[in-house]
Amino acid sequence: MTKLDMPKLARVLAMLSDTFNESFSDMRAEGYFIGLSDLTIEQVEAGARQALKLSKFFPRPAEIREYAVGSSGDKAEQSWLEVLREVRRVGGYGVPVLDPVTQDTVRAVWGTWGHLCSTLPADGAELLGWSKRFKAAYAIGQKERTLLANYGLLDA
């Protein structure tokens, strides 16, 4: 979002405020803007619509974010499934198509794509362990990239 989206954000928050019988102020709108500024106004509006359907109380910025783009656990799970799809698609010698956080996670945990593919267990408890290891590393990488982006050191 940009400052130009503030009127739309104010309208969204006013609707939530009336629906959940909560107070609304310019300071509250500013806080929500700060907390959600990395999302598009369309994502915020979609998250607010989900909050209207699923929330019992006025949603916090983190809840609107989760409704809009999913939780970090959801993203990590989706990313792991994408890694497995790419293993089947290109194998250990091809070039996988992965987002930057997923690529960084693979490098951090296994070093190279080829090493991941050549040592990947077929099934069972060991594969579940790999999944958990990947998701933990993915969450750390995602937080690091968000911090860097917030300080203008990386494009979000």
N, C-alpha and C. Protein backbone atom coordinates (compact mmCIF):
# COMPACT_ATOMS: atom_id res chain seq x y z
N MET A 1 0.84 -1.18 0.00
CA MET A 1 0.00 0.00 0.00
C MET A 1 0.88 1.24 0.00
N THR A 2 0.31 2.29 -0.50
CA THR A 2 0.96 3.59 -0.43
C THR A 2 0.04 4.53 0.33
N LYS A 3 0.53 5.71 0.63
CA LYS A 3 -0.28 6.72 1.33
C LYS A 3 -1.53 7.07 0.53
N LEU A 4 -1.47 6.91 -0.78
CA LEU A 4 -2.64 7.18 -1.63
C LEU A 4 -3.78 6.19 -1.34
N ASP A 5 -3.46 5.05 -0.75
CA ASP A 5 -4.47 4.04 -0.42
C ASP A 5 -5.13 4.28 0.93
N MET A 6 -4.67 5.29 1.66
CA MET A 6 -5.23 5.55 3.01
C MET A 6 -6.74 5.73 3.01
N PRO A 7 -7.35 6.45 2.05
CA PRO A 7 -8.82 6.55 2.07
C PRO A 7 -9.53 5.20 1.94
N LYS A 8 -8.99 4.33 1.09
CA LYS A 8 -9.57 2.99 0.95
C LYS A 8 -9.39 2.19 2.24
N LEU A 9 -8.19 2.28 2.83
CA LEU A 9 -7.94 1.59 4.08
C LEU A 9 -8.86 2.11 5.18
N ALA A 10 -9.06 3.42 5.22
CA ALA A 10 -9.95 4.01 6.22
C ALA A 10 -11.38 3.49 6.04
N ARG A 11 -11.80 3.34 4.80
CA ARG A 11 -13.15 2.80 4.53
C ARG A 11 -13.26 1.35 4.99
N VAL A 12 -12.22 0.57 4.73
CA VAL A 12 -12.21 -0.84 5.17
C VAL A 12 -12.28 -0.90 6.70
N LEU A 13 -11.46 -0.09 7.36
CA LEU A 13 -11.43 -0.11 8.83
C LEU A 13 -12.72 0.41 9.42
N ALA A 14 -13.34 1.41 8.77
CA ALA A 14 -14.63 1.93 9.25
C ALA A 14 -15.70 0.84 9.15
N MET A 15 -15.67 0.07 8.07
CA MET A 15 -16.63 -1.03 7.92
C MET A 15 -16.42 -2.08 9.01
N LEU A 16 -15.16 -2.45 9.24
CA LEU A 16 -14.86 -3.42 10.30
C LEU A 16 -15.27 -2.86 11.66
N SER A 17 -15.00 -1.59 11.87
CA SER A 17 -15.33 -0.93 13.13
C SER A 17 -16.83 -0.99 13.39
N ASP A 18 -17.63 -0.64 12.40
CA ASP A 18 -19.08 -0.68 12.56
C ASP A 18 -19.58 -2.10 12.75
N THR A 19 -19.05 -3.02 11.98
CA THR A 19 -19.49 -4.41 12.06
C THR A 19 -19.19 -5.03 13.42
N PHE A 20 -17.99 -4.75 13.95
CA PHE A 20 -17.57 -5.36 15.21
C PHE A 20 -17.80 -4.44 16.42
N ASN A 21 -18.47 -3.31 16.18
CA ASN A 21 -18.80 -2.36 17.24
C ASN A 21 -17.56 -1.96 18.04
N GLU A 22 -16.52 -1.56 17.32
CA GLU A 22 -15.25 -1.12 17.90
C GLU A 22 -15.00 0.33 17.52
N SER A 23 -14.20 1.00 18.32
CA SER A 23 -13.87 2.40 18.02
C SER A 23 -12.90 2.45 16.84
N PHE A 24 -12.91 3.58 16.18
CA PHE A 24 -12.07 3.81 15.02
C PHE A 24 -11.45 5.20 15.16
N SER A 25 -10.17 5.32 14.89
CA SER A 25 -9.50 6.61 14.99
C SER A 25 -8.44 6.73 13.91
N ASP A 26 -7.96 7.95 13.71
CA ASP A 26 -6.88 8.16 12.74
C ASP A 26 -5.62 7.42 13.17
N MET A 27 -5.36 7.40 14.48
CA MET A 27 -4.18 6.70 14.98
C MET A 27 -4.29 5.19 14.73
N ARG A 28 -5.48 4.64 14.90
CA ARG A 28 -5.67 3.21 14.63
C ARG A 28 -5.45 2.92 13.16
N ALA A 29 -5.97 3.80 12.30
CA ALA A 29 -5.77 3.63 10.86
C ALA A 29 -4.29 3.69 10.51
N GLU A 30 -3.56 4.62 11.13
CA GLU A 30 -2.12 4.73 10.89
C GLU A 30 -1.39 3.46 11.32
N GLY A 31 -1.77 2.91 12.47
CA GLY A 31 -1.17 1.66 12.94
C GLY A 31 -1.42 0.51 11.99
N TYR A 32 -2.65 0.41 11.48
CA TYR A 32 -2.96 -0.65 10.53
C TYR A 32 -2.20 -0.43 9.22
N PHE A 33 -2.05 0.83 8.82
CA PHE A 33 -1.28 1.12 7.61
C PHE A 33 0.17 0.65 7.78
N ILE A 34 0.76 0.97 8.90
CA ILE A 34 2.14 0.55 9.16
C ILE A 34 2.25 -0.97 9.16
N GLY A 35 1.31 -1.64 9.82
CA GLY A 35 1.35 -3.10 9.92
C GLY A 35 1.08 -3.83 8.63
N LEU A 36 0.39 -3.18 7.70
CA LEU A 36 0.00 -3.85 6.46
C LEU A 36 0.58 -3.20 5.21
N SER A 37 1.50 -2.27 5.37
CA SER A 37 1.98 -1.46 4.25
C SER A 37 2.67 -2.25 3.14
N ASP A 38 3.17 -3.44 3.46
CA ASP A 38 3.83 -4.24 2.42
C ASP A 38 2.83 -5.01 1.55
N LEU A 39 1.55 -4.99 1.93
CA LEU A 39 0.51 -5.63 1.12
C LEU A 39 -0.11 -4.60 0.18
N THR A 40 -0.76 -5.09 -0.86
CA THR A 40 -1.53 -4.18 -1.72
C THR A 40 -2.86 -3.90 -1.04
N ILE A 41 -3.50 -2.81 -1.42
CA ILE A 41 -4.81 -2.50 -0.85
C ILE A 41 -5.82 -3.59 -1.20
N GLU A 42 -5.66 -4.20 -2.36
CA GLU A 42 -6.56 -5.30 -2.76
C GLU A 42 -6.40 -6.49 -1.82
N GLN A 43 -5.17 -6.79 -1.42
CA GLN A 43 -4.94 -7.87 -0.47
C GLN A 43 -5.57 -7.55 0.88
N VAL A 44 -5.42 -6.30 1.32
CA VAL A 44 -6.01 -5.89 2.60
C VAL A 44 -7.52 -6.00 2.54
N GLU A 45 -8.11 -5.55 1.44
CA GLU A 45 -9.57 -5.65 1.29
C GLU A 45 -10.02 -7.11 1.30
N ALA A 46 -9.28 -7.98 0.63
CA ALA A 46 -9.61 -9.41 0.62
C ALA A 46 -9.49 -10.00 2.02
N GLY A 47 -8.43 -9.62 2.75
CA GLY A 47 -8.26 -10.08 4.12
C GLY A 47 -9.38 -9.60 5.02
N ALA A 48 -9.82 -8.37 4.83
CA ALA A 48 -10.93 -7.82 5.63
C ALA A 48 -12.23 -8.57 5.32
N ARG A 49 -12.46 -8.89 4.05
CA ARG A 49 -13.66 -9.67 3.70
C ARG A 49 -13.66 -11.02 4.39
N GLN A 50 -12.50 -11.68 4.41
CA GLN A 50 -12.41 -12.96 5.12
C GLN A 50 -12.63 -12.77 6.62
N ALA A 51 -12.11 -11.70 7.18
CA ALA A 51 -12.30 -11.42 8.60
C ALA A 51 -13.78 -11.24 8.91
N LEU A 52 -14.50 -10.59 8.02
CA LEU A 52 -15.94 -10.41 8.23
C LEU A 52 -16.66 -11.76 8.26
N LYS A 53 -16.17 -12.71 7.50
CA LYS A 53 -16.79 -14.03 7.45
C LYS A 53 -16.38 -14.93 8.62
N LEU A 54 -15.13 -14.78 9.09
CA LEU A 54 -14.57 -15.77 10.01
C LEU A 54 -14.26 -15.27 11.42
N SER A 55 -14.11 -13.96 11.61
CA SER A 55 -13.70 -13.44 12.91
C SER A 55 -14.90 -13.16 13.81
N LYS A 56 -14.66 -13.32 15.10
CA LYS A 56 -15.67 -12.98 16.10
C LYS A 56 -15.40 -11.60 16.69
N PHE A 57 -14.15 -11.11 16.52
CA PHE A 57 -13.73 -9.84 17.08
C PHE A 57 -13.03 -9.02 16.01
N PHE A 58 -12.89 -7.72 16.26
CA PHE A 58 -12.19 -6.84 15.34
C PHE A 58 -10.80 -7.39 15.09
N PRO A 59 -10.45 -7.66 13.83
CA PRO A 59 -9.17 -8.30 13.53
C PRO A 59 -7.98 -7.36 13.69
N ARG A 60 -6.90 -7.88 14.22
CA ARG A 60 -5.64 -7.16 14.33
C ARG A 60 -4.96 -7.19 12.96
N PRO A 61 -3.96 -6.33 12.73
CA PRO A 61 -3.27 -6.34 11.43
C PRO A 61 -2.73 -7.73 11.05
N ALA A 62 -2.17 -8.44 12.02
CA ALA A 62 -1.63 -9.77 11.72
C ALA A 62 -2.72 -10.73 11.26
N GLU A 63 -3.92 -10.59 11.80
CA GLU A 63 -5.02 -11.46 11.39
C GLU A 63 -5.48 -11.12 9.97
N ILE A 64 -5.56 -9.84 9.66
CA ILE A 64 -5.93 -9.44 8.29
C ILE A 64 -4.88 -9.97 7.32
N ARG A 65 -3.61 -9.87 7.70
CA ARG A 65 -2.51 -10.38 6.86
C ARG A 65 -2.68 -11.88 6.62
N GLU A 66 -2.96 -12.63 7.68
CA GLU A 66 -3.14 -14.07 7.52
C GLU A 66 -4.30 -14.40 6.62
N TYR A 67 -5.41 -13.68 6.79
CA TYR A 67 -6.55 -13.90 5.91
C TYR A 67 -6.21 -13.54 4.46
N ALA A 68 -5.36 -12.56 4.27
CA ALA A 68 -5.04 -12.09 2.92
C ALA A 68 -4.03 -12.98 2.21
N VAL A 69 -2.95 -13.36 2.91
CA VAL A 69 -1.87 -14.06 2.23
C VAL A 69 -1.50 -15.39 2.87
N GLY A 70 -2.18 -15.77 3.94
CA GLY A 70 -1.87 -17.04 4.61
C GLY A 70 -0.81 -16.87 5.68
N SER A 71 -0.70 -17.85 6.51
CA SER A 71 0.27 -17.79 7.60
C SER A 71 1.65 -18.21 7.08
N SER A 72 2.68 -17.94 7.87
CA SER A 72 4.02 -18.35 7.46
C SER A 72 4.11 -19.87 7.37
N GLY A 73 3.37 -20.57 8.23
CA GLY A 73 3.34 -22.03 8.15
C GLY A 73 2.73 -22.52 6.86
N ASP A 74 1.67 -21.82 6.41
CA ASP A 74 1.05 -22.16 5.13
C ASP A 74 2.05 -21.96 3.99
N LYS A 75 2.78 -20.85 4.04
CA LYS A 75 3.75 -20.57 2.98
C LYS A 75 4.87 -21.60 2.98
N ALA A 76 5.34 -21.98 4.15
CA ALA A 76 6.41 -22.97 4.24
C ALA A 76 5.94 -24.31 3.70
N GLU A 77 4.73 -24.71 4.05
CA GLU A 77 4.16 -25.97 3.54
C GLU A 77 4.03 -25.93 2.03
N GLN A 78 3.51 -24.84 1.50
CA GLN A 78 3.35 -24.69 0.06
C GLN A 78 4.72 -24.73 -0.63
N SER A 79 5.70 -24.10 -0.03
CA SER A 79 7.04 -24.09 -0.60
C SER A 79 7.65 -25.49 -0.62
N TRP A 80 7.47 -26.24 0.47
CA TRP A 80 8.00 -27.61 0.53
C TRP A 80 7.36 -28.47 -0.55
N LEU A 81 6.05 -28.33 -0.73
CA LEU A 81 5.37 -29.10 -1.78
C LEU A 81 5.89 -28.71 -3.16
N GLU A 82 6.23 -27.44 -3.33
CA GLU A 82 6.80 -26.99 -4.60
C GLU A 82 8.18 -27.62 -4.82
N VAL A 83 8.98 -27.72 -3.77
CA VAL A 83 10.29 -28.38 -3.87
C VAL A 83 10.10 -29.82 -4.33
N LEU A 84 9.17 -30.54 -3.73
CA LEU A 84 8.93 -31.93 -4.11
C LEU A 84 8.45 -32.04 -5.56
N ARG A 85 7.59 -31.11 -6.00
CA ARG A 85 7.15 -31.10 -7.40
C ARG A 85 8.32 -30.88 -8.35
N GLU A 86 9.21 -29.97 -7.97
CA GLU A 86 10.37 -29.69 -8.83
C GLU A 86 11.34 -30.86 -8.85
N VAL A 87 11.47 -31.58 -7.74
CA VAL A 87 12.32 -32.78 -7.73
C VAL A 87 11.78 -33.77 -8.76
N ARG A 88 10.46 -33.98 -8.76
CA ARG A 88 9.86 -34.91 -9.73
C ARG A 88 9.99 -34.37 -11.16
N ARG A 89 9.85 -33.06 -11.31
CA ARG A 89 9.84 -32.46 -12.65
C ARG A 89 11.23 -32.42 -13.29
N VAL A 90 12.24 -31.96 -12.56
CA VAL A 90 13.56 -31.75 -13.19
C VAL A 90 14.64 -32.67 -12.67
N GLY A 91 14.39 -33.35 -11.54
CA GLY A 91 15.40 -34.24 -10.98
C GLY A 91 16.61 -33.47 -10.48
N GLY A 92 17.68 -34.20 -10.25
CA GLY A 92 18.88 -33.62 -9.68
C GLY A 92 19.77 -32.89 -10.67
N TYR A 93 19.50 -33.03 -11.96
CA TYR A 93 20.37 -32.41 -12.96
C TYR A 93 19.71 -31.23 -13.66
N GLY A 94 18.41 -31.07 -13.47
CA GLY A 94 17.71 -29.95 -14.09
C GLY A 94 17.79 -28.70 -13.23
N VAL A 95 17.19 -27.65 -13.73
CA VAL A 95 17.17 -26.37 -13.01
C VAL A 95 15.75 -26.14 -12.49
N PRO A 96 15.58 -26.16 -11.17
CA PRO A 96 14.23 -25.96 -10.63
C PRO A 96 13.79 -24.51 -10.74
N VAL A 97 12.50 -24.31 -10.83
CA VAL A 97 11.93 -22.96 -10.83
C VAL A 97 11.33 -22.76 -9.43
N LEU A 98 12.04 -21.99 -8.61
CA LEU A 98 11.63 -21.78 -7.22
C LEU A 98 11.74 -20.30 -6.88
N ASP A 99 10.91 -19.84 -5.95
CA ASP A 99 10.99 -18.46 -5.50
C ASP A 99 12.29 -18.25 -4.71
N PRO A 100 12.72 -17.00 -4.54
CA PRO A 100 14.01 -16.74 -3.88
C PRO A 100 14.13 -17.29 -2.46
N VAL A 101 13.08 -17.22 -1.66
CA VAL A 101 13.17 -17.73 -0.29
C VAL A 101 13.35 -19.24 -0.31
N THR A 102 12.65 -19.92 -1.19
CA THR A 102 12.77 -21.37 -1.31
C THR A 102 14.17 -21.75 -1.79
N GLN A 103 14.69 -21.03 -2.78
CA GLN A 103 16.05 -21.29 -3.26
C GLN A 103 17.06 -21.12 -2.13
N ASP A 104 16.93 -20.03 -1.38
CA ASP A 104 17.84 -19.77 -0.26
C ASP A 104 17.74 -20.87 0.80
N THR A 105 16.53 -21.34 1.04
CA THR A 105 16.32 -22.39 2.04
C THR A 105 16.98 -23.69 1.60
N VAL A 106 16.81 -24.06 0.35
CA VAL A 106 17.45 -25.27 -0.17
C VAL A 106 18.96 -25.17 -0.02
N ARG A 107 19.52 -24.01 -0.37
CA ARG A 107 20.98 -23.82 -0.24
C ARG A 107 21.42 -23.89 1.22
N ALA A 108 20.64 -23.28 2.11
CA ALA A 108 21.01 -23.26 3.53
C ALA A 108 20.97 -24.66 4.15
N VAL A 109 19.99 -25.46 3.76
CA VAL A 109 19.81 -26.77 4.38
C VAL A 109 20.64 -27.86 3.69
N TRP A 110 20.67 -27.86 2.35
CA TRP A 110 21.32 -28.96 1.63
C TRP A 110 22.53 -28.54 0.80
N GLY A 111 22.78 -27.28 0.70
CA GLY A 111 23.93 -26.81 -0.07
C GLY A 111 23.61 -26.63 -1.54
N THR A 112 23.27 -27.71 -2.21
CA THR A 112 22.95 -27.62 -3.63
C THR A 112 21.67 -28.38 -3.92
N TRP A 113 21.08 -28.05 -5.06
CA TRP A 113 19.88 -28.75 -5.50
C TRP A 113 20.20 -30.23 -5.76
N GLY A 114 21.33 -30.49 -6.36
CA GLY A 114 21.73 -31.87 -6.65
C GLY A 114 21.87 -32.70 -5.39
N HIS A 115 22.43 -32.11 -4.34
CA HIS A 115 22.59 -32.84 -3.08
C HIS A 115 21.22 -33.16 -2.47
N LEU A 116 20.32 -32.18 -2.51
CA LEU A 116 18.96 -32.44 -2.01
C LEU A 116 18.34 -33.61 -2.76
N CYS A 117 18.42 -33.58 -4.07
CA CYS A 117 17.79 -34.63 -4.88
C CYS A 117 18.43 -36.00 -4.67
N SER A 118 19.74 -36.04 -4.52
CA SER A 118 20.41 -37.34 -4.40
C SER A 118 20.27 -37.96 -3.02
N THR A 119 19.93 -37.18 -2.03
CA THR A 119 19.80 -37.71 -0.67
C THR A 119 18.36 -37.70 -0.14
N LEU A 120 17.42 -37.23 -0.94
CA LEU A 120 16.02 -37.14 -0.51
C LEU A 120 15.45 -38.53 -0.24
N PRO A 121 14.93 -38.75 0.98
CA PRO A 121 14.31 -40.04 1.26
C PRO A 121 13.00 -40.19 0.48
N ALA A 122 12.66 -41.42 0.18
CA ALA A 122 11.47 -41.67 -0.63
C ALA A 122 10.18 -41.44 0.14
N ASP A 123 10.16 -41.78 1.42
CA ASP A 123 8.90 -41.72 2.16
C ASP A 123 9.19 -41.95 3.63
N GLY A 124 8.15 -41.86 4.44
CA GLY A 124 8.25 -42.25 5.84
C GLY A 124 8.71 -41.14 6.77
N ALA A 125 9.15 -41.58 7.95
CA ALA A 125 9.51 -40.65 9.02
C ALA A 125 10.69 -39.76 8.63
N GLU A 126 11.63 -40.29 7.87
CA GLU A 126 12.78 -39.49 7.48
C GLU A 126 12.37 -38.33 6.58
N LEU A 127 11.44 -38.58 5.65
CA LEU A 127 10.94 -37.52 4.78
C LEU A 127 10.19 -36.48 5.60
N LEU A 128 9.43 -36.91 6.60
CA LEU A 128 8.73 -35.99 7.48
C LEU A 128 9.74 -35.11 8.23
N GLY A 129 10.84 -35.69 8.66
CA GLY A 129 11.89 -34.92 9.31
C GLY A 129 12.49 -33.88 8.39
N TRP A 130 12.70 -34.24 7.14
CA TRP A 130 13.22 -33.30 6.16
C TRP A 130 12.23 -32.14 5.96
N SER A 131 10.95 -32.49 5.91
CA SER A 131 9.92 -31.48 5.75
C SER A 131 9.96 -30.47 6.90
N LYS A 132 10.06 -30.97 8.12
CA LYS A 132 10.10 -30.09 9.30
C LYS A 132 11.36 -29.22 9.28
N ARG A 133 12.47 -29.81 8.90
CA ARG A 133 13.73 -29.07 8.83
C ARG A 133 13.64 -27.95 7.78
N PHE A 134 13.07 -28.27 6.63
CA PHE A 134 12.91 -27.28 5.57
C PHE A 134 12.01 -26.14 6.04
N LYS A 135 10.87 -26.48 6.64
CA LYS A 135 9.90 -25.46 7.05
C LYS A 135 10.47 -24.53 8.12
N ALA A 136 11.25 -25.06 9.04
CA ALA A 136 11.88 -24.23 10.06
C ALA A 136 12.88 -23.26 9.42
N ALA A 137 13.69 -23.77 8.50
CA ALA A 137 14.67 -22.92 7.81
C ALA A 137 13.97 -21.90 6.93
N TYR A 138 12.88 -22.29 6.31
CA TYR A 138 12.11 -21.38 5.44
C TYR A 138 11.57 -20.21 6.27
N ALA A 139 11.03 -20.50 7.44
CA ALA A 139 10.48 -19.44 8.30
C ALA A 139 11.57 -18.44 8.68
N ILE A 140 12.75 -18.93 8.99
CA ILE A 140 13.87 -18.04 9.34
C ILE A 140 14.26 -17.19 8.13
N GLY A 141 14.37 -17.81 6.97
CA GLY A 141 14.73 -17.08 5.76
C GLY A 141 13.71 -16.03 5.39
N GLN A 142 12.45 -16.35 5.58
CA GLN A 142 11.39 -15.40 5.26
C GLN A 142 11.46 -14.20 6.19
N LYS A 143 11.71 -14.43 7.48
CA LYS A 143 11.84 -13.32 8.43
C LYS A 143 13.04 -12.45 8.10
N GLU A 144 14.16 -13.08 7.73
CA GLU A 144 15.35 -12.32 7.37
C GLU A 144 15.10 -11.44 6.16
N ARG A 145 14.45 -11.99 5.14
CA ARG A 145 14.16 -11.22 3.93
C ARG A 145 13.20 -10.08 4.23
N THR A 146 12.22 -10.30 5.10
CA THR A 146 11.29 -9.24 5.47
C THR A 146 12.02 -8.11 6.18
N LEU A 147 12.90 -8.45 7.10
CA LEU A 147 13.68 -7.42 7.80
C LEU A 147 14.54 -6.62 6.83
N LEU A 148 15.22 -7.30 5.94
CA LEU A 148 16.05 -6.61 4.95
C LEU A 148 15.20 -5.69 4.07
N ALA A 149 14.03 -6.17 3.65
CA ALA A 149 13.15 -5.35 2.83
C ALA A 149 12.65 -4.13 3.60
N ASN A 150 12.32 -4.33 4.87
CA ASN A 150 11.83 -3.22 5.70
C ASN A 150 12.87 -2.12 5.85
N TYR A 151 14.13 -2.49 5.82
CA TYR A 151 15.21 -1.50 5.94
C TYR A 151 15.72 -1.03 4.57
N GLY A 152 15.01 -1.41 3.52
CA GLY A 152 15.38 -0.98 2.19
C GLY A 152 16.61 -1.63 1.62
N LEU A 153 17.01 -2.76 2.21
CA LEU A 153 18.21 -3.45 1.76
C LEU A 153 17.92 -4.57 0.77
N LEU A 154 16.63 -4.81 0.53
CA LEU A 154 16.22 -5.88 -0.37
C LEU A 154 14.84 -5.53 -0.90
N ASP A 155 14.59 -5.77 -2.16
CA ASP A 155 13.25 -5.56 -2.68
C ASP A 155 12.33 -6.63 -2.15
N ALA A 156 11.15 -6.22 -1.64
CA ALA A 156 10.20 -7.17 -1.06
C ALA A 156 9.59 -8.05 -2.11
